[in-house]
Amino acid sequence: MRPEYARLMTHLLTIYKRERNWEGNFVVSESFTDIPGFVEYGKHLVTGLNGEEVMATAIIFLRDDAPITPEHPHWIIEQVLPYVRENMEVVRIDPISDPRNGRTHHFEVAVK
């Protein structure tokens, strides 16, 4: 990732990976703190992970080394700096490729 793009990641986030327990309830299986990112608030109509249209309340931009994968469907992201916004449920994760080399440049994560 280019340094000028990394400087735009001015927010700090906590990312929670969730799994379902034997009762079917969500439990946090892993948490990652102090993850740099940028949160762009505003309503966006996106297609969710299971194909339905969902109104996202923000798009979160994460670096290519962020501890998130599109293959896992259950994530919660919380913004901790510069102010707090809790329990943003991930509805879609889009890895954005660098056209020069085909590798992931950053992630765009739609949340509600």
PDB file of N, CA and C in Angstrom:
ATOM      1  N   MET A   1       0.841  -1.166   0.000  1.00  0.00           N
ATOM      2  CA  MET A   1       0.000   0.000   0.000  1.00  0.00           C
ATOM      3  C   MET A   1       0.892   1.238   0.000  1.00  0.00           C
ATOM      4  N   ARG A   2       0.513   2.185  -0.803  1.00  0.00           N
ATOM      5  CA  ARG A   2       1.293   3.414  -0.915  1.00  0.00           C
ATOM      6  C   ARG A   2       1.158   4.248   0.358  1.00  0.00           C
ATOM      7  N   PRO A   3       2.226   4.927   0.780  1.00  0.00           N
ATOM      8  CA  PRO A   3       2.190   5.698   2.032  1.00  0.00           C
ATOM      9  C   PRO A   3       1.138   6.800   2.028  1.00  0.00           C
ATOM     10  N   GLU A   4       0.897   7.421   0.879  1.00  0.00           N
ATOM     11  CA  GLU A   4      -0.103   8.497   0.850  1.00  0.00           C
ATOM     12  C   GLU A   4      -1.516   7.964   1.083  1.00  0.00           C
ATOM     13  N   TYR A   5      -1.792   6.726   0.669  1.00  0.00           N
ATOM     14  CA  TYR A   5      -3.096   6.126   0.941  1.00  0.00           C
ATOM     15  C   TYR A   5      -3.192   5.711   2.411  1.00  0.00           C
ATOM     16  N   ALA A   6      -2.108   5.173   2.955  1.00  0.00           N
ATOM     17  CA  ALA A   6      -2.097   4.753   4.355  1.00  0.00           C
ATOM     18  C   ALA A   6      -2.315   5.936   5.285  1.00  0.00           C
ATOM     19  N   ARG A   7      -1.866   7.135   4.917  1.00  0.00           N
ATOM     20  CA  ARG A   7      -2.068   8.327   5.748  1.00  0.00           C
ATOM     21  C   ARG A   7      -3.533   8.722   5.840  1.00  0.00           C
ATOM     22  N   LEU A   8      -4.348   8.302   4.882  1.00  0.00           N
ATOM     23  CA  LEU A   8      -5.780   8.619   4.917  1.00  0.00           C
ATOM     24  C   LEU A   8      -6.530   7.798   5.954  1.00  0.00           C
ATOM     25  N   MET A   9      -5.929   6.739   6.460  1.00  0.00           N
ATOM     26  CA  MET A   9      -6.568   5.868   7.448  1.00  0.00           C
ATOM     27  C   MET A   9      -6.465   6.505   8.830  1.00  0.00           C
ATOM     28  N   THR A  10      -7.327   7.490   9.100  1.00  0.00           N
ATOM     29  CA  THR A  10      -7.222   8.315  10.307  1.00  0.00           C
ATOM     30  C   THR A  10      -8.088   7.833  11.460  1.00  0.00           C
ATOM     31  N   HIS A  11      -8.892   6.799  11.264  1.00  0.00           N
ATOM     32  CA  HIS A  11      -9.736   6.282  12.331  1.00  0.00           C
ATOM     33  C   HIS A  11      -9.119   4.994  12.884  1.00  0.00           C
ATOM     34  N   LEU A  12      -9.371   4.735  14.164  1.00  0.00           N
ATOM     35  CA  LEU A  12      -8.971   3.459  14.753  1.00  0.00           C
ATOM     36  C   LEU A  12     -10.209   2.622  14.995  1.00  0.00           C
ATOM     37  N   LEU A  13     -10.109   1.347  14.655  1.00  0.00           N
ATOM     38  CA  LEU A  13     -11.253   0.443  14.697  1.00  0.00           C
ATOM     39  C   LEU A  13     -10.924  -0.807  15.497  1.00  0.00           C
ATOM     40  N   THR A  14     -11.961  -1.437  16.012  1.00  0.00           N
ATOM     41  CA  THR A  14     -11.865  -2.769  16.585  1.00  0.00           C
ATOM     42  C   THR A  14     -12.732  -3.675  15.728  1.00  0.00           C
ATOM     43  N   ILE A  15     -12.173  -4.797  15.306  1.00  0.00           N
ATOM     44  CA  ILE A  15     -12.878  -5.744  14.442  1.00  0.00           C
ATOM     45  C   ILE A  15     -13.099  -7.034  15.221  1.00  0.00           C
ATOM     46  N   TYR A  16     -14.349  -7.500  15.220  1.00  0.00           N
ATOM     47  CA  TYR A  16     -14.716  -8.729  15.910  1.00  0.00           C
ATOM     48  C   TYR A  16     -15.158  -9.775  14.893  1.00  0.00           C
ATOM     49  N   LYS A  17     -14.522 -10.929  14.944  1.00  0.00           N
ATOM     50  CA  LYS A  17     -14.941 -12.074  14.135  1.00  0.00           C
ATOM     51  C   LYS A  17     -15.914 -12.877  14.980  1.00  0.00           C
ATOM     52  N   ARG A  18     -17.088 -13.173  14.428  1.00  0.00           N
ATOM     53  CA  ARG A  18     -18.117 -13.874  15.194  1.00  0.00           C
ATOM     54  C   ARG A  18     -18.404 -15.244  14.603  1.00  0.00           C
ATOM     55  N   GLU A  19     -18.741 -16.145  15.475  1.00  0.00           N
ATOM     56  CA  GLU A  19     -19.159 -17.503  15.105  1.00  0.00           C
ATOM     57  C   GLU A  19     -20.459 -17.788  15.833  1.00  0.00           C
ATOM     58  N   ARG A  20     -21.162 -18.804  15.398  1.00  0.00           N
ATOM     59  CA  ARG A  20     -22.360 -19.244  16.115  1.00  0.00           C
ATOM     60  C   ARG A  20     -21.985 -20.372  17.071  1.00  0.00           C
ATOM     61  N   ASN A  21     -22.518 -20.301  18.295  1.00  0.00           N
ATOM     62  CA  ASN A  21     -22.264 -21.369  19.256  1.00  0.00           C
ATOM     63  C   ASN A  21     -23.276 -22.492  19.054  1.00  0.00           C
ATOM     64  N   TRP A  22     -23.264 -23.467  19.924  1.00  0.00           N
ATOM     65  CA  TRP A  22     -24.127 -24.639  19.765  1.00  0.00           C
ATOM     66  C   TRP A  22     -25.604 -24.295  19.894  1.00  0.00           C
ATOM     67  N   GLU A  23     -25.931 -23.136  20.515  1.00  0.00           N
ATOM     68  CA  GLU A  23     -27.323 -22.702  20.617  1.00  0.00           C
ATOM     69  C   GLU A  23     -27.760 -21.843  19.429  1.00  0.00           C
ATOM     70  N   GLY A  24     -26.829 -21.518  18.542  1.00  0.00           N
ATOM     71  CA  GLY A  24     -27.142 -20.685  17.396  1.00  0.00           C
ATOM     72  C   GLY A  24     -26.932 -19.207  17.637  1.00  0.00           C
ATOM     73  N   ASN A  25     -26.426 -18.841  18.812  1.00  0.00           N
ATOM     74  CA  ASN A  25     -26.167 -17.440  19.140  1.00  0.00           C
ATOM     75  C   ASN A  25     -24.761 -17.051  18.702  1.00  0.00           C
ATOM     76  N   PHE A  26     -24.586 -15.765  18.391  1.00  0.00           N
ATOM     77  CA  PHE A  26     -23.271 -15.279  18.015  1.00  0.00           C
ATOM     78  C   PHE A  26     -22.383 -15.133  19.238  1.00  0.00           C
ATOM     79  N   VAL A  27     -21.124 -15.546  19.089  1.00  0.00           N
ATOM     80  CA  VAL A  27     -20.087 -15.323  20.086  1.00  0.00           C
ATOM     81  C   VAL A  27     -18.852 -14.803  19.344  1.00  0.00           C
ATOM     82  N   VAL A  28     -18.089 -13.970  20.004  1.00  0.00           N
ATOM     83  CA  VAL A  28     -16.872 -13.439  19.410  1.00  0.00           C
ATOM     84  C   VAL A  28     -15.788 -14.505  19.493  1.00  0.00           C
ATOM     85  N   SER A  29     -15.247 -14.877  18.338  1.00  0.00           N
ATOM     86  CA  SER A  29     -14.184 -15.878  18.319  1.00  0.00           C
ATOM     87  C   SER A  29     -12.799 -15.241  18.292  1.00  0.00           C
ATOM     88  N   GLU A  30     -12.691 -14.027  17.719  1.00  0.00           N
ATOM     89  CA  GLU A  30     -11.424 -13.297  17.691  1.00  0.00           C
ATOM     90  C   GLU A  30     -11.732 -11.812  17.694  1.00  0.00           C
ATOM     91  N   SER A  31     -10.835 -11.027  18.272  1.00  0.00           N
ATOM     92  CA  SER A  31     -10.973  -9.571  18.198  1.00  0.00           C
ATOM     93  C   SER A  31      -9.624  -8.965  17.863  1.00  0.00           C
ATOM     94  N   PHE A  32      -9.674  -7.879  17.117  1.00  0.00           N
ATOM     95  CA  PHE A  32      -8.474  -7.200  16.653  1.00  0.00           C
ATOM     96  C   PHE A  32      -8.638  -5.714  16.978  1.00  0.00           C
ATOM     97  N   THR A  33      -7.709  -5.148  17.746  1.00  0.00           N
ATOM     98  CA  THR A  33      -7.827  -3.762  18.185  1.00  0.00           C
ATOM     99  C   THR A  33      -6.832  -2.863  17.464  1.00  0.00           C
ATOM    100  N   ASP A  34      -7.132  -1.566  17.505  1.00  0.00           N
ATOM    101  CA  ASP A  34      -6.273  -0.525  16.938  1.00  0.00           C
ATOM    102  C   ASP A  34      -5.962  -0.748  15.462  1.00  0.00           C
ATOM    103  N   ILE A  35      -6.984  -1.113  14.701  1.00  0.00           N
ATOM    104  CA  ILE A  35      -6.845  -1.315  13.261  1.00  0.00           C
ATOM    105  C   ILE A  35      -7.086   0.029  12.572  1.00  0.00           C
ATOM    106  N   PRO A  36      -6.127   0.525  11.770  1.00  0.00           N
ATOM    107  CA  PRO A  36      -6.352   1.790  11.073  1.00  0.00           C
ATOM    108  C   PRO A  36      -7.345   1.620   9.930  1.00  0.00           C
ATOM    109  N   GLY A  37      -8.166   2.639   9.732  1.00  0.00           N
ATOM    110  CA  GLY A  37      -9.137   2.623   8.653  1.00  0.00           C
ATOM    111  C   GLY A  37      -9.736   4.000   8.482  1.00  0.00           C
ATOM    112  N   PHE A  38     -10.695   4.104   7.593  1.00  0.00           N
ATOM    113  CA  PHE A  38     -11.422   5.356   7.407  1.00  0.00           C
ATOM    114  C   PHE A  38     -12.892   5.014   7.248  1.00  0.00           C
ATOM    115  N   VAL A  39     -13.751   5.706   7.990  1.00  0.00           N
ATOM    116  CA  VAL A  39     -15.188   5.455   7.952  1.00  0.00           C
ATOM    117  C   VAL A  39     -15.863   6.616   7.226  1.00  0.00           C
ATOM    118  N   GLU A  40     -16.542   6.291   6.131  1.00  0.00           N
ATOM    119  CA  GLU A  40     -17.287   7.284   5.357  1.00  0.00           C
ATOM    120  C   GLU A  40     -18.772   7.054   5.632  1.00  0.00           C
ATOM    121  N   TYR A  41     -19.355   7.931   6.447  1.00  0.00           N
ATOM    122  CA  TYR A  41     -20.756   7.783   6.811  1.00  0.00           C
ATOM    123  C   TYR A  41     -21.655   8.299   5.702  1.00  0.00           C
ATOM    124  N   GLY A  42     -22.805   7.676   5.561  1.00  0.00           N
ATOM    125  CA  GLY A  42     -23.790   8.037   4.541  1.00  0.00           C
ATOM    126  C   GLY A  42     -24.505   6.781   4.096  1.00  0.00           C
ATOM    127  N   LYS A  43     -25.710   6.947   3.605  1.00  0.00           N
ATOM    128  CA  LYS A  43     -26.502   5.787   3.202  1.00  0.00           C
ATOM    129  C   LYS A  43     -26.121   5.333   1.798  1.00  0.00           C
ATOM    130  N   HIS A  44     -25.942   4.023   1.683  1.00  0.00           N
ATOM    131  CA  HIS A  44     -25.573   3.401   0.415  1.00  0.00           C
ATOM    132  C   HIS A  44     -26.402   2.133   0.260  1.00  0.00           C
ATOM    133  N   LEU A  45     -27.027   1.968  -0.877  1.00  0.00           N
ATOM    134  CA  LEU A  45     -27.762   0.735  -1.156  1.00  0.00           C
ATOM    135  C   LEU A  45     -26.778  -0.277  -1.726  1.00  0.00           C
ATOM    136  N   VAL A  46     -26.585  -1.399  -1.005  1.00  0.00           N
ATOM    137  CA  VAL A  46     -25.629  -2.422  -1.425  1.00  0.00           C
ATOM    138  C   VAL A  46     -26.316  -3.773  -1.453  1.00  0.00           C
ATOM    139  N   THR A  47     -25.719  -4.695  -2.154  1.00  0.00           N
ATOM    140  CA  THR A  47     -26.196  -6.073  -2.142  1.00  0.00           C
ATOM    141  C   THR A  47     -25.447  -6.801  -1.041  1.00  0.00           C
ATOM    142  N   GLY A  48     -26.185  -7.370  -0.100  1.00  0.00           N
ATOM    143  CA  GLY A  48     -25.595  -8.061   1.040  1.00  0.00           C
ATOM    144  C   GLY A  48     -24.967  -9.380   0.653  1.00  0.00           C
ATOM    145  N   LEU A  49     -24.404 -10.055   1.644  1.00  0.00           N
ATOM    146  CA  LEU A  49     -23.696 -11.311   1.409  1.00  0.00           C
ATOM    147  C   LEU A  49     -24.592 -12.416   0.879  1.00  0.00           C
ATOM    148  N   ASN A  50     -25.891 -12.370   1.198  1.00  0.00           N
ATOM    149  CA  ASN A  50     -26.791 -13.421   0.701  1.00  0.00           C
ATOM    150  C   ASN A  50     -27.686 -12.925  -0.431  1.00  0.00           C
ATOM    151  N   GLY A  51     -27.302 -11.828  -1.093  1.00  0.00           N
ATOM    152  CA  GLY A  51     -27.967 -11.410  -2.313  1.00  0.00           C
ATOM    153  C   GLY A  51     -29.094 -10.409  -2.184  1.00  0.00           C
ATOM    154  N   GLU A  52     -29.513 -10.039  -0.977  1.00  0.00           N
ATOM    155  CA  GLU A  52     -30.598  -9.070  -0.829  1.00  0.00           C
ATOM    156  C   GLU A  52     -30.034  -7.646  -0.787  1.00  0.00           C
ATOM    157  N   GLU A  53     -30.864  -6.671  -1.176  1.00  0.00           N
ATOM    158  CA  GLU A  53     -30.445  -5.279  -1.107  1.00  0.00           C
ATOM    159  C   GLU A  53     -30.582  -4.782   0.328  1.00  0.00           C
ATOM    160  N   VAL A  54     -29.541  -4.123   0.807  1.00  0.00           N
ATOM    161  CA  VAL A  54     -29.487  -3.641   2.183  1.00  0.00           C
ATOM    162  C   VAL A  54     -29.041  -2.189   2.163  1.00  0.00           C
ATOM    163  N   MET A  55     -29.600  -1.373   3.063  1.00  0.00           N
ATOM    164  CA  MET A  55     -29.165   0.010   3.194  1.00  0.00           C
ATOM    165  C   MET A  55     -28.006   0.056   4.183  1.00  0.00           C
ATOM    166  N   ALA A  56     -26.827   0.316   3.680  1.00  0.00           N
ATOM    167  CA  ALA A  56     -25.650   0.446   4.534  1.00  0.00           C
ATOM    168  C   ALA A  56     -25.588   1.878   5.053  1.00  0.00           C
ATOM    169  N   THR A  57     -25.137   2.036   6.289  1.00  0.00           N
ATOM    170  CA  THR A  57     -25.042   3.368   6.883  1.00  0.00           C
ATOM    171  C   THR A  57     -23.644   3.955   6.768  1.00  0.00           C
ATOM    172  N   ALA A  58     -22.683   3.137   6.361  1.00  0.00           N
ATOM    173  CA  ALA A  58     -21.309   3.618   6.200  1.00  0.00           C
ATOM    174  C   ALA A  58     -20.523   2.637   5.349  1.00  0.00           C
ATOM    175  N   ILE A  59     -19.448   3.157   4.756  1.00  0.00           N
ATOM    176  CA  ILE A  59     -18.456   2.337   4.070  1.00  0.00           C
ATOM    177  C   ILE A  59     -17.150   2.528   4.834  1.00  0.00           C
ATOM    178  N   ILE A  60     -16.536   1.417   5.210  1.00  0.00           N
ATOM    179  CA  ILE A  60     -15.269   1.471   5.942  1.00  0.00           C
ATOM    180  C   ILE A  60     -14.161   1.021   5.002  1.00  0.00           C
ATOM    181  N   PHE A  61     -13.150   1.847   4.878  1.00  0.00           N
ATOM    182  CA  PHE A  61     -11.987   1.540   4.054  1.00  0.00           C
ATOM    183  C   PHE A  61     -10.898   0.994   4.971  1.00  0.00           C
ATOM    184  N   LEU A  62     -10.404  -0.201   4.648  1.00  0.00           N
ATOM    185  CA  LEU A  62      -9.366  -0.864   5.435  1.00  0.00           C
ATOM    186  C   LEU A  62      -8.160  -1.154   4.561  1.00  0.00           C
ATOM    187  N   ARG A  63      -6.996  -1.156   5.168  1.00  0.00           N
ATOM    188  CA  ARG A  63      -5.773  -1.466   4.434  1.00  0.00           C
ATOM    189  C   ARG A  63      -5.777  -2.920   3.979  1.00  0.00           C
ATOM    190  N   ASP A  64      -4.891  -3.235   3.066  1.00  0.00           N
ATOM    191  CA  ASP A  64      -4.820  -4.599   2.521  1.00  0.00           C
ATOM    192  C   ASP A  64      -4.397  -5.629   3.550  1.00  0.00           C
ATOM    193  N   ASP A  65      -3.767  -5.210   4.637  1.00  0.00           N
ATOM    194  CA  ASP A  65      -3.328  -6.148   5.671  1.00  0.00           C
ATOM    195  C   ASP A  65      -4.303  -6.227   6.845  1.00  0.00           C
ATOM    196  N   ALA A  66      -5.503  -5.700   6.682  1.00  0.00           N
ATOM    197  CA  ALA A  66      -6.504  -5.740   7.752  1.00  0.00           C
ATOM    198  C   ALA A  66      -6.916  -7.185   8.042  1.00  0.00           C
ATOM    199  N   PRO A  67      -7.227  -7.489   9.307  1.00  0.00           N
ATOM    200  CA  PRO A  67      -7.579  -8.865   9.681  1.00  0.00           C
ATOM    201  C   PRO A  67      -9.047  -9.181   9.393  1.00  0.00           C
ATOM    202  N   ILE A  68      -9.423  -9.121   8.133  1.00  0.00           N
ATOM    203  CA  ILE A  68     -10.808  -9.396   7.724  1.00  0.00           C
ATOM    204  C   ILE A  68     -10.768 -10.172   6.414  1.00  0.00           C
ATOM    205  N   THR A  69     -11.692 -11.103   6.251  1.00  0.00           N
ATOM    206  CA  THR A  69     -11.746 -11.882   5.017  1.00  0.00           C
ATOM    207  C   THR A  69     -13.173 -11.922   4.491  1.00  0.00           C
ATOM    208  N   PRO A  70     -13.345 -11.777   3.185  1.00  0.00           N
ATOM    209  CA  PRO A  70     -14.690 -11.833   2.609  1.00  0.00           C
ATOM    210  C   PRO A  70     -15.337 -13.209   2.737  1.00  0.00           C
ATOM    211  N   GLU A  71     -14.535 -14.253   2.921  1.00  0.00           N
ATOM    212  CA  GLU A  71     -15.070 -15.610   2.989  1.00  0.00           C
ATOM    213  C   GLU A  71     -15.842 -15.870   4.284  1.00  0.00           C
ATOM    214  N   HIS A  72     -15.498 -15.147   5.339  1.00  0.00           N
ATOM    215  CA  HIS A  72     -16.198 -15.329   6.620  1.00  0.00           C
ATOM    216  C   HIS A  72     -17.364 -14.334   6.678  1.00  0.00           C
ATOM    217  N   PRO A  73     -18.588 -14.795   6.942  1.00  0.00           N
ATOM    218  CA  PRO A  73     -19.755 -13.919   6.800  1.00  0.00           C
ATOM    219  C   PRO A  73     -20.136 -13.073   8.015  1.00  0.00           C
ATOM    220  N   HIS A  74     -19.541 -13.286   9.189  1.00  0.00           N
ATOM    221  CA  HIS A  74     -20.051 -12.616  10.391  1.00  0.00           C
ATOM    222  C   HIS A  74     -18.974 -11.773  11.069  1.00  0.00           C
ATOM    223  N   TRP A  75     -19.100 -10.448  10.929  1.00  0.00           N
ATOM    224  CA  TRP A  75     -18.147  -9.510  11.511  1.00  0.00           C
ATOM    225  C   TRP A  75     -18.899  -8.348  12.142  1.00  0.00           C
ATOM    226  N   ILE A  76     -18.309  -7.778  13.175  1.00  0.00           N
ATOM    227  CA  ILE A  76     -18.770  -6.527  13.771  1.00  0.00           C
ATOM    228  C   ILE A  76     -17.555  -5.599  13.816  1.00  0.00           C
ATOM    229  N   ILE A  77     -17.768  -4.330  13.464  1.00  0.00           N
ATOM    230  CA  ILE A  77     -16.692  -3.345  13.529  1.00  0.00           C
ATOM    231  C   ILE A  77     -17.154  -2.202  14.431  1.00  0.00           C
ATOM    232  N   GLU A  78     -16.247  -1.754  15.291  1.00  0.00           N
ATOM    233  CA  GLU A  78     -16.519  -0.604  16.147  1.00  0.00           C
ATOM    234  C   GLU A  78     -15.456   0.449  15.891  1.00  0.00           C
ATOM    235  N   GLN A  79     -15.891   1.695  15.748  1.00  0.00           N
ATOM    236  CA  GLN A  79     -14.953   2.801  15.629  1.00  0.00           C
ATOM    237  C   GLN A  79     -14.645   3.291  17.034  1.00  0.00           C
ATOM    238  N   VAL A  80     -13.360   3.435  17.364  1.00  0.00           N
ATOM    239  CA  VAL A  80     -12.973   3.883  18.706  1.00  0.00           C
ATOM    240  C   VAL A  80     -12.324   5.261  18.714  1.00  0.00           C
ATOM    241  N   LEU A  81     -11.750   5.694  17.620  1.00  0.00           N
ATOM    242  CA  LEU A  81     -11.178   7.036  17.486  1.00  0.00           C
ATOM    243  C   LEU A  81     -11.487   7.586  16.107  1.00  0.00           C
ATOM    244  N   PRO A  82     -11.741   8.826  15.894  1.00  0.00           N
ATOM    245  CA  PRO A  82     -11.693   9.939  16.844  1.00  0.00           C
ATOM    246  C   PRO A  82     -12.922  10.004  17.759  1.00  0.00           C
ATOM    247  N   TYR A  83     -13.959   9.279  17.465  1.00  0.00           N
ATOM    248  CA  TYR A  83     -15.093   9.150  18.379  1.00  0.00           C
ATOM    249  C   TYR A  83     -15.612   7.722  18.284  1.00  0.00           C
ATOM    250  N   VAL A  84     -16.541   7.373  19.159  1.00  0.00           N
ATOM    251  CA  VAL A  84     -16.982   5.982  19.280  1.00  0.00           C
ATOM    252  C   VAL A  84     -18.284   5.756  18.522  1.00  0.00           C
ATOM    253  N   ARG A  85     -18.301   4.706  17.749  1.00  0.00           N
ATOM    254  CA  ARG A  85     -19.539   4.195  17.148  1.00  0.00           C
ATOM    255  C   ARG A  85     -19.463   2.683  17.236  1.00  0.00           C
ATOM    256  N   GLU A  86     -20.410   2.092  17.945  1.00  0.00           N
ATOM    257  CA  GLU A  86     -20.347   0.670  18.258  1.00  0.00           C
ATOM    258  C   GLU A  86     -21.268  -0.161  17.379  1.00  0.00           C
ATOM    259  N   ASN A  87     -20.962  -1.450  17.339  1.00  0.00           N
ATOM    260  CA  ASN A  87     -21.817  -2.488  16.764  1.00  0.00           C
ATOM    261  C   ASN A  87     -22.248  -2.229  15.321  1.00  0.00           C
ATOM    262  N   MET A  88     -21.302  -1.925  14.460  1.00  0.00           N
ATOM    263  CA  MET A  88     -21.602  -1.798  13.043  1.00  0.00           C
ATOM    264  C   MET A  88     -21.470  -3.185  12.422  1.00  0.00           C
ATOM    265  N   GLU A  89     -22.580  -3.738  11.984  1.00  0.00           N
ATOM    266  CA  GLU A  89     -22.610  -5.085  11.422  1.00  0.00           C
ATOM    267  C   GLU A  89     -22.186  -5.044   9.958  1.00  0.00           C
ATOM    268  N   VAL A  90     -21.253  -5.903   9.600  1.00  0.00           N
ATOM    269  CA  VAL A  90     -20.756  -5.968   8.230  1.00  0.00           C
ATOM    270  C   VAL A  90     -21.801  -6.644   7.349  1.00  0.00           C
ATOM    271  N   VAL A  91     -22.153  -5.978   6.238  1.00  0.00           N
ATOM    272  CA  VAL A  91     -23.101  -6.571   5.294  1.00  0.00           C
ATOM    273  C   VAL A  91     -22.432  -6.954   3.978  1.00  0.00           C
ATOM    274  N   ARG A  92     -21.241  -6.417   3.718  1.00  0.00           N
ATOM    275  CA  ARG A  92     -20.531  -6.765   2.480  1.00  0.00           C
ATOM    276  C   ARG A  92     -19.068  -6.368   2.615  1.00  0.00           C
ATOM    277  N   ILE A  93     -18.178  -7.237   2.112  1.00  0.00           N
ATOM    278  CA  ILE A  93     -16.742  -6.961   2.095  1.00  0.00           C
ATOM    279  C   ILE A  93     -16.272  -7.061   0.654  1.00  0.00           C
ATOM    280  N   ASP A  94     -15.737  -5.968   0.131  1.00  0.00           N
ATOM    281  CA  ASP A  94     -15.222  -5.959  -1.237  1.00  0.00           C
ATOM    282  C   ASP A  94     -13.714  -5.733  -1.223  1.00  0.00           C
ATOM    283  N   PRO A  95     -12.925  -6.749  -1.613  1.00  0.00           N
ATOM    284  CA  PRO A  95     -11.495  -6.502  -1.788  1.00  0.00           C
ATOM    285  C   PRO A  95     -11.291  -5.745  -3.100  1.00  0.00           C
ATOM    286  N   ILE A  96     -10.581  -4.642  -3.047  1.00  0.00           N
ATOM    287  CA  ILE A  96     -10.324  -3.819  -4.228  1.00  0.00           C
ATOM    288  C   ILE A  96      -8.901  -4.091  -4.696  1.00  0.00           C
ATOM    289  N   SER A  97      -8.767  -4.544  -5.933  1.00  0.00           N
ATOM    290  CA  SER A  97      -7.465  -4.921  -6.474  1.00  0.00           C
ATOM    291  C   SER A  97      -6.745  -3.728  -7.079  1.00  0.00           C
ATOM    292  N   ASP A  98      -5.435  -3.770  -6.999  1.00  0.00           N
ATOM    293  CA  ASP A  98      -4.584  -2.791  -7.654  1.00  0.00           C
ATOM    294  C   ASP A  98      -4.443  -3.227  -9.108  1.00  0.00           C
ATOM    295  N   PRO A  99      -4.888  -2.415 -10.081  1.00  0.00           N
ATOM    296  CA  PRO A  99      -4.840  -2.848 -11.482  1.00  0.00           C
ATOM    297  C   PRO A  99      -3.425  -3.037 -12.019  1.00  0.00           C
ATOM    298  N   ARG A 100      -2.442  -2.481 -11.339  1.00  0.00           N
ATOM    299  CA  ARG A 100      -1.060  -2.612 -11.810  1.00  0.00           C
ATOM    300  C   ARG A 100      -0.477  -3.984 -11.549  1.00  0.00           C
ATOM    301  N   ASN A 101      -0.934  -4.644 -10.453  1.00  0.00           N
ATOM    302  CA  ASN A 101      -0.324  -5.931 -10.122  1.00  0.00           C
ATOM    303  C   ASN A 101      -1.345  -7.011  -9.764  1.00  0.00           C
ATOM    304  N   GLY A 102      -2.627  -6.661  -9.663  1.00  0.00           N
ATOM    305  CA  GLY A 102      -3.664  -7.640  -9.389  1.00  0.00           C
ATOM    306  C   GLY A 102      -3.814  -8.045  -7.937  1.00  0.00           C
ATOM    307  N   ARG A 103      -2.963  -7.530  -7.050  1.00  0.00           N
ATOM    308  CA  ARG A 103      -3.073  -7.853  -5.619  1.00  0.00           C
ATOM    309  C   ARG A 103      -4.087  -6.926  -4.952  1.00  0.00           C
ATOM    310  N   THR A 104      -4.577  -7.346  -3.799  1.00  0.00           N
ATOM    311  CA  THR A 104      -5.531  -6.529  -3.059  1.00  0.00           C
ATOM    312  C   THR A 104      -4.862  -5.238  -2.610  1.00  0.00           C
ATOM    313  N   HIS A 105      -5.496  -4.110  -2.950  1.00  0.00           N
ATOM    314  CA  HIS A 105      -4.988  -2.791  -2.569  1.00  0.00           C
ATOM    315  C   HIS A 105      -5.586  -2.352  -1.243  1.00  0.00           C
ATOM    316  N   HIS A 106      -6.914  -2.565  -1.083  1.00  0.00           N
ATOM    317  CA  HIS A 106      -7.597  -2.236   0.159  1.00  0.00           C
ATOM    318  C   HIS A 106      -8.947  -2.948   0.174  1.00  0.00           C
ATOM    319  N   PHE A 107      -9.647  -2.881   1.299  1.00  0.00           N
ATOM    320  CA  PHE A 107     -10.985  -3.447   1.429  1.00  0.00           C
ATOM    321  C   PHE A 107     -11.983  -2.302   1.602  1.00  0.00           C
ATOM    322  N   GLU A 108     -13.152  -2.442   0.968  1.00  0.00           N
ATOM    323  CA  GLU A 108     -14.270  -1.541   1.201  1.00  0.00           C
ATOM    324  C   GLU A 108     -15.363  -2.373   1.853  1.00  0.00           C
ATOM    325  N   VAL A 109     -15.708  -2.027   3.085  1.00  0.00           N
ATOM    326  CA  VAL A 109     -16.623  -2.812   3.899  1.00  0.00           C
ATOM    327  C   VAL A 109     -17.891  -2.009   4.150  1.00  0.00           C
ATOM    328  N   ALA A 110     -19.036  -2.514   3.683  1.00  0.00           N
ATOM    329  CA  ALA A 110     -20.320  -1.869   3.928  1.00  0.00           C
ATOM    330  C   ALA A 110     -20.866  -2.367   5.259  1.00  0.00           C
ATOM    331  N   VAL A 111     -21.341  -1.436   6.100  1.00  0.00           N
ATOM    332  CA  VAL A 111     -21.866  -1.797   7.426  1.00  0.00           C
ATOM    333  C   VAL A 111     -23.212  -1.134   7.643  1.00  0.00           C
ATOM    334  N   LYS A 112     -23.978  -1.727   8.587  1.00  0.00           N
ATOM    335  CA  LYS A 112     -25.236  -1.098   8.991  1.00  0.00           C
ATOM    336  C   LYS A 112     -25.322  -1.044  10.493  1.00  0.00           C
TER     337      LYS A 112
END
